[in-house]
Amino acid sequence: ILAEIETDKATMEFESFNEGTLLHIGIQEGE
């Protein structure tokens, strides 16, 4: 699970379909 993402309907867990090292986060928490 990479992050919990709040949509227009619910807050859902978003899982990674790839493996490796997390090199960059483009959207910070709360954004």
PDB file of all heavy atoms in Angstrom:
ATOM      1  N   ILE A   1       0.856  -1.189   0.000  1.00  0.00           N
ATOM      2  CA  ILE A   1       0.000   0.000   0.000  1.00  0.00           C
ATOM      3  C   ILE A   1       0.890   1.236   0.000  1.00  0.00           C
ATOM      4  O   ILE A   1       1.677   1.456   0.920  1.00  0.00           O
ATOM      5  CB  ILE A   1      -0.941   0.013   1.223  1.00  0.00           C
ATOM      6  CG1 ILE A   1      -1.760  -1.287   1.276  1.00  0.00           C
ATOM      7  CG2 ILE A   1      -1.854   1.221   1.177  1.00  0.00           C
ATOM      8  CD1 ILE A   1      -2.631  -1.517   0.075  1.00  0.00           C
ATOM      9  N   LEU A   2       0.789   2.039  -1.062  1.00  0.00           N
ATOM     10  CA  LEU A   2       1.587   3.264  -1.168  1.00  0.00           C
ATOM     11  C   LEU A   2       0.983   4.397  -0.351  1.00  0.00           C
ATOM     12  O   LEU A   2       1.669   5.081   0.398  1.00  0.00           O
ATOM     13  CB  LEU A   2       1.682   3.707  -2.624  1.00  0.00           C
ATOM     14  CG  LEU A   2       2.698   3.011  -3.532  1.00  0.00           C
ATOM     15  CD1 LEU A   2       2.610   3.591  -4.928  1.00  0.00           C
ATOM     16  CD2 LEU A   2       4.106   3.151  -2.986  1.00  0.00           C
ATOM     17  N   ALA A   3      -0.342   4.592  -0.500  1.00  0.00           N
ATOM     18  CA  ALA A   3      -0.975   5.755   0.115  1.00  0.00           C
ATOM     19  C   ALA A   3      -2.464   5.500   0.265  1.00  0.00           C
ATOM     20  O   ALA A   3      -3.026   4.597  -0.349  1.00  0.00           O
ATOM     21  CB  ALA A   3      -0.734   7.005  -0.735  1.00  0.00           C
ATOM     22  N   GLU A   4      -3.090   6.313   1.113  1.00  0.00           N
ATOM     23  CA  GLU A   4      -4.550   6.356   1.203  1.00  0.00           C
ATOM     24  C   GLU A   4      -5.010   7.598   0.464  1.00  0.00           C
ATOM     25  O   GLU A   4      -4.566   8.707   0.765  1.00  0.00           O
ATOM     26  CB  GLU A   4      -5.004   6.392   2.657  1.00  0.00           C
ATOM     27  CG  GLU A   4      -4.752   5.086   3.398  1.00  0.00           C
ATOM     28  CD  GLU A   4      -5.150   5.160   4.855  1.00  0.00           C
ATOM     29  OE1 GLU A   4      -5.318   6.294   5.349  1.00  0.00           O
ATOM     30  OE2 GLU A   4      -5.282   4.099   5.489  1.00  0.00           O
ATOM     31  N   ILE A   5      -5.908   7.393  -0.518  1.00  0.00           N
ATOM     32  CA  ILE A   5      -6.334   8.491  -1.389  1.00  0.00           C
ATOM     33  C   ILE A   5      -7.822   8.748  -1.180  1.00  0.00           C
ATOM     34  O   ILE A   5      -8.642   7.830  -1.269  1.00  0.00           O
ATOM     35  CB  ILE A   5      -6.034   8.171  -2.862  1.00  0.00           C
ATOM     36  CG1 ILE A   5      -4.510   8.074  -3.055  1.00  0.00           C
ATOM     37  CG2 ILE A   5      -6.637   9.221  -3.783  1.00  0.00           C
ATOM     38  CD1 ILE A   5      -4.085   7.708  -4.452  1.00  0.00           C
ATOM     39  N   GLU A   6      -8.156   9.993  -0.900  1.00  0.00           N
ATOM     40  CA  GLU A   6      -9.555  10.390  -0.709  1.00  0.00           C
ATOM     41  C   GLU A   6     -10.146  10.783  -2.056  1.00  0.00           C
ATOM     42  O   GLU A   6      -9.682  11.718  -2.704  1.00  0.00           O
ATOM     43  CB  GLU A   6      -9.624  11.559   0.276  1.00  0.00           C
ATOM     44  CG  GLU A   6     -11.044  12.005   0.591  1.00  0.00           C
ATOM     45  CD  GLU A   6     -11.072  13.180   1.544  1.00  0.00           C
ATOM     46  OE1 GLU A   6     -10.089  13.370   2.279  1.00  0.00           O
ATOM     47  OE2 GLU A   6     -12.067  13.910   1.533  1.00  0.00           O
ATOM     48  N   THR A   7     -11.166  10.024  -2.485  1.00  0.00           N
ATOM     49  CA  THR A   7     -11.845  10.308  -3.748  1.00  0.00           C
ATOM     50  C   THR A   7     -13.117  11.080  -3.460  1.00  0.00           C
ATOM     51  O   THR A   7     -13.348  11.532  -2.347  1.00  0.00           O
ATOM     52  CB  THR A   7     -12.180   9.003  -4.491  1.00  0.00           C
ATOM     53  OG1 THR A   7     -13.269   8.344  -3.819  1.00  0.00           O
ATOM     54  CG2 THR A   7     -10.987   8.067  -4.504  1.00  0.00           C
ATOM     55  N   ASP A   8     -13.973  11.223  -4.484  1.00  0.00           N
ATOM     56  CA  ASP A   8     -15.253  11.902  -4.284  1.00  0.00           C
ATOM     57  C   ASP A   8     -16.254  11.026  -3.551  1.00  0.00           C
ATOM     58  O   ASP A   8     -17.348  11.472  -3.224  1.00  0.00           O
ATOM     59  CB  ASP A   8     -15.838  12.333  -5.635  1.00  0.00           C
ATOM     60  CG  ASP A   8     -16.001  11.158  -6.596  1.00  0.00           C
ATOM     61  OD1 ASP A   8     -15.263  10.163  -6.451  1.00  0.00           O
ATOM     62  OD2 ASP A   8     -16.868  11.226  -7.479  1.00  0.00           O
ATOM     63  N   LYS A   9     -15.898   9.756  -3.283  1.00  0.00           N
ATOM     64  CA  LYS A   9     -16.848   8.838  -2.652  1.00  0.00           C
ATOM     65  C   LYS A   9     -16.336   8.239  -1.358  1.00  0.00           C
ATOM     66  O   LYS A   9     -17.120   7.944  -0.458  1.00  0.00           O
ATOM     67  CB  LYS A   9     -17.208   7.710  -3.621  1.00  0.00           C
ATOM     68  CG  LYS A   9     -17.952   8.195  -4.855  1.00  0.00           C
ATOM     69  CD  LYS A   9     -18.231   7.082  -5.830  1.00  0.00           C
ATOM     70  CE  LYS A   9     -18.987   7.623  -7.035  1.00  0.00           C
ATOM     71  NZ  LYS A   9     -19.175   6.610  -8.076  1.00  0.00           N
ATOM     72  N   ALA A  10     -15.060   8.000  -1.242  1.00  0.00           N
ATOM     73  CA  ALA A  10     -14.526   7.324  -0.063  1.00  0.00           C
ATOM     74  C   ALA A  10     -13.018   7.510  -0.028  1.00  0.00           C
ATOM     75  O   ALA A  10     -12.396   7.978  -0.985  1.00  0.00           O
ATOM     76  CB  ALA A  10     -14.871   5.837  -0.096  1.00  0.00           C
ATOM     77  N   THR A  11     -12.417   7.143   1.108  1.00  0.00           N
ATOM     78  CA  THR A  11     -10.966   7.114   1.226  1.00  0.00           C
ATOM     79  C   THR A  11     -10.519   5.670   1.002  1.00  0.00           C
ATOM     80  O   THR A  11     -10.950   4.769   1.716  1.00  0.00           O
ATOM     81  CB  THR A  11     -10.500   7.609   2.601  1.00  0.00           C
ATOM     82  OG1 THR A  11     -10.933   8.970   2.759  1.00  0.00           O
ATOM     83  CG2 THR A  11      -9.000   7.548   2.724  1.00  0.00           C
ATOM     84  N   MET A  12      -9.673   5.455  -0.003  1.00  0.00           N
ATOM     85  CA  MET A  12      -9.336   4.110  -0.444  1.00  0.00           C
ATOM     86  C   MET A  12      -7.819   3.909  -0.422  1.00  0.00           C
ATOM     87  O   MET A  12      -7.048   4.850  -0.633  1.00  0.00           O
ATOM     88  CB  MET A  12      -9.884   3.855  -1.856  1.00  0.00           C
ATOM     89  CG  MET A  12     -11.379   4.129  -1.981  1.00  0.00           C
ATOM     90  SD  MET A  12     -11.997   4.020  -3.679  1.00  0.00           S
ATOM     91  CE  MET A  12     -11.911   2.262  -3.942  1.00  0.00           C
ATOM     92  N   GLU A  13      -7.405   2.663  -0.163  1.00  0.00           N
ATOM     93  CA  GLU A  13      -5.988   2.321  -0.188  1.00  0.00           C
ATOM     94  C   GLU A  13      -5.539   2.115  -1.630  1.00  0.00           C
ATOM     95  O   GLU A  13      -6.224   1.473  -2.422  1.00  0.00           O
ATOM     96  CB  GLU A  13      -5.743   1.044   0.623  1.00  0.00           C
ATOM     97  CG  GLU A  13      -6.011   1.217   2.118  1.00  0.00           C
ATOM     98  CD  GLU A  13      -5.766  -0.061   2.900  1.00  0.00           C
ATOM     99  OE1 GLU A  13      -5.835  -1.152   2.286  1.00  0.00           O
ATOM    100  OE2 GLU A  13      -5.513   0.015   4.119  1.00  0.00           O
ATOM    101  N   PHE A  14      -4.366   2.665  -1.975  1.00  0.00           N
ATOM    102  CA  PHE A  14      -3.833   2.539  -3.335  1.00  0.00           C
ATOM    103  C   PHE A  14      -2.560   1.714  -3.269  1.00  0.00           C
ATOM    104  O   PHE A  14      -1.582   2.106  -2.627  1.00  0.00           O
ATOM    105  CB  PHE A  14      -3.555   3.932  -3.912  1.00  0.00           C
ATOM    106  CG  PHE A  14      -2.891   3.886  -5.264  1.00  0.00           C
ATOM    107  CD1 PHE A  14      -3.461   3.200  -6.328  1.00  0.00           C
ATOM    108  CD2 PHE A  14      -1.668   4.514  -5.473  1.00  0.00           C
ATOM    109  CE1 PHE A  14      -2.842   3.156  -7.563  1.00  0.00           C
ATOM    110  CE2 PHE A  14      -1.041   4.475  -6.710  1.00  0.00           C
ATOM    111  CZ  PHE A  14      -1.641   3.785  -7.752  1.00  0.00           C
ATOM    112  N   GLU A  15      -2.580   0.572  -3.916  1.00  0.00           N
ATOM    113  CA  GLU A  15      -1.433  -0.319  -3.840  1.00  0.00           C
ATOM    114  C   GLU A  15      -0.549  -0.191  -5.075  1.00  0.00           C
ATOM    115  O   GLU A  15      -0.991   0.225  -6.151  1.00  0.00           O
ATOM    116  CB  GLU A  15      -1.886  -1.773  -3.675  1.00  0.00           C
ATOM    117  CG  GLU A  15      -2.632  -2.368  -4.867  1.00  0.00           C
ATOM    118  CD  GLU A  15      -3.006  -3.822  -4.606  1.00  0.00           C
ATOM    119  OE1 GLU A  15      -3.700  -4.090  -3.617  1.00  0.00           O
ATOM    120  OE2 GLU A  15      -2.593  -4.681  -5.415  1.00  0.00           O
ATOM    121  N   SER A  16       0.717  -0.541  -4.896  1.00  0.00           N
ATOM    122  CA  SER A  16       1.693  -0.432  -5.979  1.00  0.00           C
ATOM    123  C   SER A  16       1.625  -1.665  -6.876  1.00  0.00           C
ATOM    124  O   SER A  16       1.486  -2.789  -6.398  1.00  0.00           O
ATOM    125  CB  SER A  16       3.106  -0.299  -5.401  1.00  0.00           C
ATOM    126  OG  SER A  16       4.068  -0.344  -6.440  1.00  0.00           O
ATOM    127  N   PHE A  17       1.702  -1.412  -8.181  1.00  0.00           N
ATOM    128  CA  PHE A  17       1.772  -2.500  -9.155  1.00  0.00           C
ATOM    129  C   PHE A  17       3.211  -2.703  -9.645  1.00  0.00           C
ATOM    130  O   PHE A  17       3.452  -3.465 -10.583  1.00  0.00           O
ATOM    131  CB  PHE A  17       0.846  -2.213 -10.343  1.00  0.00           C
ATOM    132  CG  PHE A  17      -0.607  -2.125  -9.950  1.00  0.00           C
ATOM    133  CD1 PHE A  17      -1.206  -0.902  -9.746  1.00  0.00           C
ATOM    134  CD2 PHE A  17      -1.356  -3.270  -9.741  1.00  0.00           C
ATOM    135  CE1 PHE A  17      -2.540  -0.809  -9.367  1.00  0.00           C
ATOM    136  CE2 PHE A  17      -2.690  -3.189  -9.365  1.00  0.00           C
ATOM    137  CZ  PHE A  17      -3.274  -1.960  -9.177  1.00  0.00           C
ATOM    138  N   ASN A  18       4.146  -2.000  -9.000  1.00  0.00           N
ATOM    139  CA  ASN A  18       5.556  -2.091  -9.383  1.00  0.00           C
ATOM    140  C   ASN A  18       6.397  -2.284  -8.123  1.00  0.00           C
ATOM    141  O   ASN A  18       5.932  -2.094  -7.003  1.00  0.00           O
ATOM    142  CB  ASN A  18       5.990  -0.808 -10.102  1.00  0.00           C
ATOM    143  CG  ASN A  18       5.080  -0.450 -11.258  1.00  0.00           C
ATOM    144  OD1 ASN A  18       5.135  -1.068 -12.298  1.00  0.00           O
ATOM    145  ND2 ASN A  18       4.211   0.540 -11.054  1.00  0.00           N
ATOM    146  N   GLU A  19       7.647  -2.664  -8.318  1.00  0.00           N
ATOM    147  CA  GLU A  19       8.537  -2.802  -7.177  1.00  0.00           C
ATOM    148  C   GLU A  19       9.831  -2.047  -7.450  1.00  0.00           C
ATOM    149  O   GLU A  19      10.221  -1.816  -8.606  1.00  0.00           O
ATOM    150  CB  GLU A  19       8.806  -4.262  -6.861  1.00  0.00           C
ATOM    151  CG  GLU A  19       9.406  -5.087  -7.994  1.00  0.00           C
ATOM    152  CD  GLU A  19       9.588  -6.542  -7.584  1.00  0.00           C
ATOM    153  OE1 GLU A  19       8.819  -7.041  -6.741  1.00  0.00           O
ATOM    154  OE2 GLU A  19      10.508  -7.162  -8.131  1.00  0.00           O
ATOM    155  N   GLY A  20      10.494  -1.630  -6.374  1.00  0.00           N
ATOM    156  CA  GLY A  20      11.730  -0.854  -6.484  1.00  0.00           C
ATOM    157  C   GLY A  20      11.859   0.037  -5.263  1.00  0.00           C
ATOM    158  O   GLY A  20      11.435  -0.316  -4.163  1.00  0.00           O
ATOM    159  N   THR A  21      12.428   1.228  -5.462  1.00  0.00           N
ATOM    160  CA  THR A  21      12.610   2.199  -4.387  1.00  0.00           C
ATOM    161  C   THR A  21      11.772   3.432  -4.708  1.00  0.00           C
ATOM    162  O   THR A  21      11.726   3.882  -5.849  1.00  0.00           O
ATOM    163  CB  THR A  21      14.093   2.592  -4.250  1.00  0.00           C
ATOM    164  OG1 THR A  21      14.867   1.420  -3.954  1.00  0.00           O
ATOM    165  CG2 THR A  21      14.293   3.615  -3.144  1.00  0.00           C
ATOM    166  N   LEU A  22      11.089   3.966  -3.682  1.00  0.00           N
ATOM    167  CA  LEU A  22      10.306   5.185  -3.878  1.00  0.00           C
ATOM    168  C   LEU A  22      11.279   6.358  -3.981  1.00  0.00           C
ATOM    169  O   LEU A  22      11.910   6.754  -2.999  1.00  0.00           O
ATOM    170  CB  LEU A  22       9.328   5.389  -2.724  1.00  0.00           C
ATOM    171  CG  LEU A  22       8.380   6.595  -2.830  1.00  0.00           C
ATOM    172  CD1 LEU A  22       7.559   6.519  -4.103  1.00  0.00           C
ATOM    173  CD2 LEU A  22       7.475   6.675  -1.609  1.00  0.00           C
ATOM    174  N   LEU A  23      11.413   6.909  -5.207  1.00  0.00           N
ATOM    175  CA  LEU A  23      12.412   7.946  -5.475  1.00  0.00           C
ATOM    176  C   LEU A  23      11.852   9.358  -5.353  1.00  0.00           C
ATOM    177  O   LEU A  23      12.605  10.306  -5.109  1.00  0.00           O
ATOM    178  CB  LEU A  23      12.986   7.757  -6.879  1.00  0.00           C
ATOM    179  CG  LEU A  23      13.643   6.392  -7.177  1.00  0.00           C
ATOM    180  CD1 LEU A  23      14.059   6.326  -8.637  1.00  0.00           C
ATOM    181  CD2 LEU A  23      14.829   6.155  -6.249  1.00  0.00           C
ATOM    182  N   HIS A  24      10.544   9.508  -5.518  1.00  0.00           N
ATOM    183  CA  HIS A  24       9.975  10.861  -5.566  1.00  0.00           C
ATOM    184  C   HIS A  24       8.503  10.802  -5.196  1.00  0.00           C
ATOM    185  O   HIS A  24       7.790   9.877  -5.588  1.00  0.00           O
ATOM    186  CB  HIS A  24      10.136  11.441  -6.978  1.00  0.00           C
ATOM    187  CG  HIS A  24       9.451  12.766  -7.177  1.00  0.00           C
ATOM    188  ND1 HIS A  24       9.977  13.948  -6.732  1.00  0.00           N
ATOM    189  CD2 HIS A  24       8.268  13.075  -7.777  1.00  0.00           C
ATOM    190  CE1 HIS A  24       9.149  14.936  -7.065  1.00  0.00           C
ATOM    191  NE2 HIS A  24       8.108  14.420  -7.699  1.00  0.00           N
ATOM    192  N   ILE A  25       8.048  11.785  -4.417  1.00  0.00           N
ATOM    193  CA  ILE A  25       6.630  11.964  -4.111  1.00  0.00           C
ATOM    194  C   ILE A  25       6.187  13.274  -4.733  1.00  0.00           C
ATOM    195  O   ILE A  25       6.736  14.336  -4.427  1.00  0.00           O
ATOM    196  CB  ILE A  25       6.376  11.964  -2.586  1.00  0.00           C
ATOM    197  CG1 ILE A  25       6.574  10.546  -2.023  1.00  0.00           C
ATOM    198  CG2 ILE A  25       4.977  12.469  -2.266  1.00  0.00           C
ATOM    199  CD1 ILE A  25       6.403  10.447  -0.524  1.00  0.00           C
ATOM    200  N   GLY A  26       5.206  13.205  -5.629  1.00  0.00           N
ATOM    201  CA  GLY A  26       4.776  14.391  -6.367  1.00  0.00           C
ATOM    202  C   GLY A  26       3.612  15.130  -5.739  1.00  0.00           C
ATOM    203  O   GLY A  26       3.401  16.308  -6.017  1.00  0.00           O
ATOM    204  N   ILE A  27       2.814  14.447  -4.901  1.00  0.00           N
ATOM    205  CA  ILE A  27       1.648  15.082  -4.260  1.00  0.00           C
ATOM    206  C   ILE A  27       1.756  14.819  -2.763  1.00  0.00           C
ATOM    207  O   ILE A  27       1.707  13.664  -2.330  1.00  0.00           O
ATOM    208  CB  ILE A  27       0.330  14.514  -4.819  1.00  0.00           C
ATOM    209  CG1 ILE A  27       0.285  14.657  -6.356  1.00  0.00           C
ATOM    210  CG2 ILE A  27      -0.872  15.222  -4.196  1.00  0.00           C
ATOM    211  CD1 ILE A  27      -0.878  13.931  -6.998  1.00  0.00           C
ATOM    212  N   GLN A  28       1.903  15.854  -1.985  1.00  0.00           N
ATOM    213  CA  GLN A  28       2.102  15.709  -0.547  1.00  0.00           C
ATOM    214  C   GLN A  28       0.785  15.399   0.157  1.00  0.00           C
ATOM    215  O   GLN A  28      -0.294  15.588  -0.408  1.00  0.00           O
ATOM    216  CB  GLN A  28       2.716  16.983   0.039  1.00  0.00           C
ATOM    217  CG  GLN A  28       4.055  17.367  -0.581  1.00  0.00           C
ATOM    218  CD  GLN A  28       5.116  16.289  -0.403  1.00  0.00           C
ATOM    219  OE1 GLN A  28       5.211  15.682   0.659  1.00  0.00           O
ATOM    220  NE2 GLN A  28       5.902  16.045  -1.442  1.00  0.00           N
ATOM    221  N   GLU A  29       0.890  14.927   1.408  1.00  0.00           N
ATOM    222  CA  GLU A  29      -0.306  14.639   2.201  1.00  0.00           C
ATOM    223  C   GLU A  29      -1.164  15.893   2.333  1.00  0.00           C
ATOM    224  O   GLU A  29      -0.665  16.974   2.596  1.00  0.00           O
ATOM    225  CB  GLU A  29       0.078  14.135   3.597  1.00  0.00           C
ATOM    226  CG  GLU A  29       0.641  12.724   3.599  1.00  0.00           C
ATOM    227  CD  GLU A  29       0.877  12.206   5.011  1.00  0.00           C
ATOM    228  OE1 GLU A  29       0.571  12.941   5.973  1.00  0.00           O
ATOM    229  OE2 GLU A  29       1.369  11.069   5.158  1.00  0.00           O
ATOM    230  N   GLY A  30      -2.478  15.722   2.130  1.00  0.00           N
ATOM    231  CA  GLY A  30      -3.409  16.843   2.228  1.00  0.00           C
ATOM    232  C   GLY A  30      -3.588  17.613   0.943  1.00  0.00           C
ATOM    233  O   GLY A  30      -4.507  18.432   0.839  1.00  0.00           O
ATOM    234  N   GLU A  31      -2.738  17.354  -0.076  1.00  0.00           N
ATOM    235  CA  GLU A  31      -2.854  18.068  -1.345  1.00  0.00           C
ATOM    236  C   GLU A  31      -3.784  17.328  -2.297  1.00  0.00           C
ATOM    237  O   GLU A  31      -3.887  16.108  -2.266  1.00  0.00           O
ATOM    238  CB  GLU A  31      -1.480  18.244  -1.996  1.00  0.00           C
ATOM    239  CG  GLU A  31      -0.565  19.189  -1.240  1.00  0.00           C
ATOM    240  CD  GLU A  31       0.740  19.425  -1.971  1.00  0.00           C
ATOM    241  OE1 GLU A  31       0.959  18.781  -3.012  1.00  0.00           O
ATOM    242  OE2 GLU A  31       1.549  20.251  -1.513  1.00  0.00           O
TER     243      GLU A  31
END
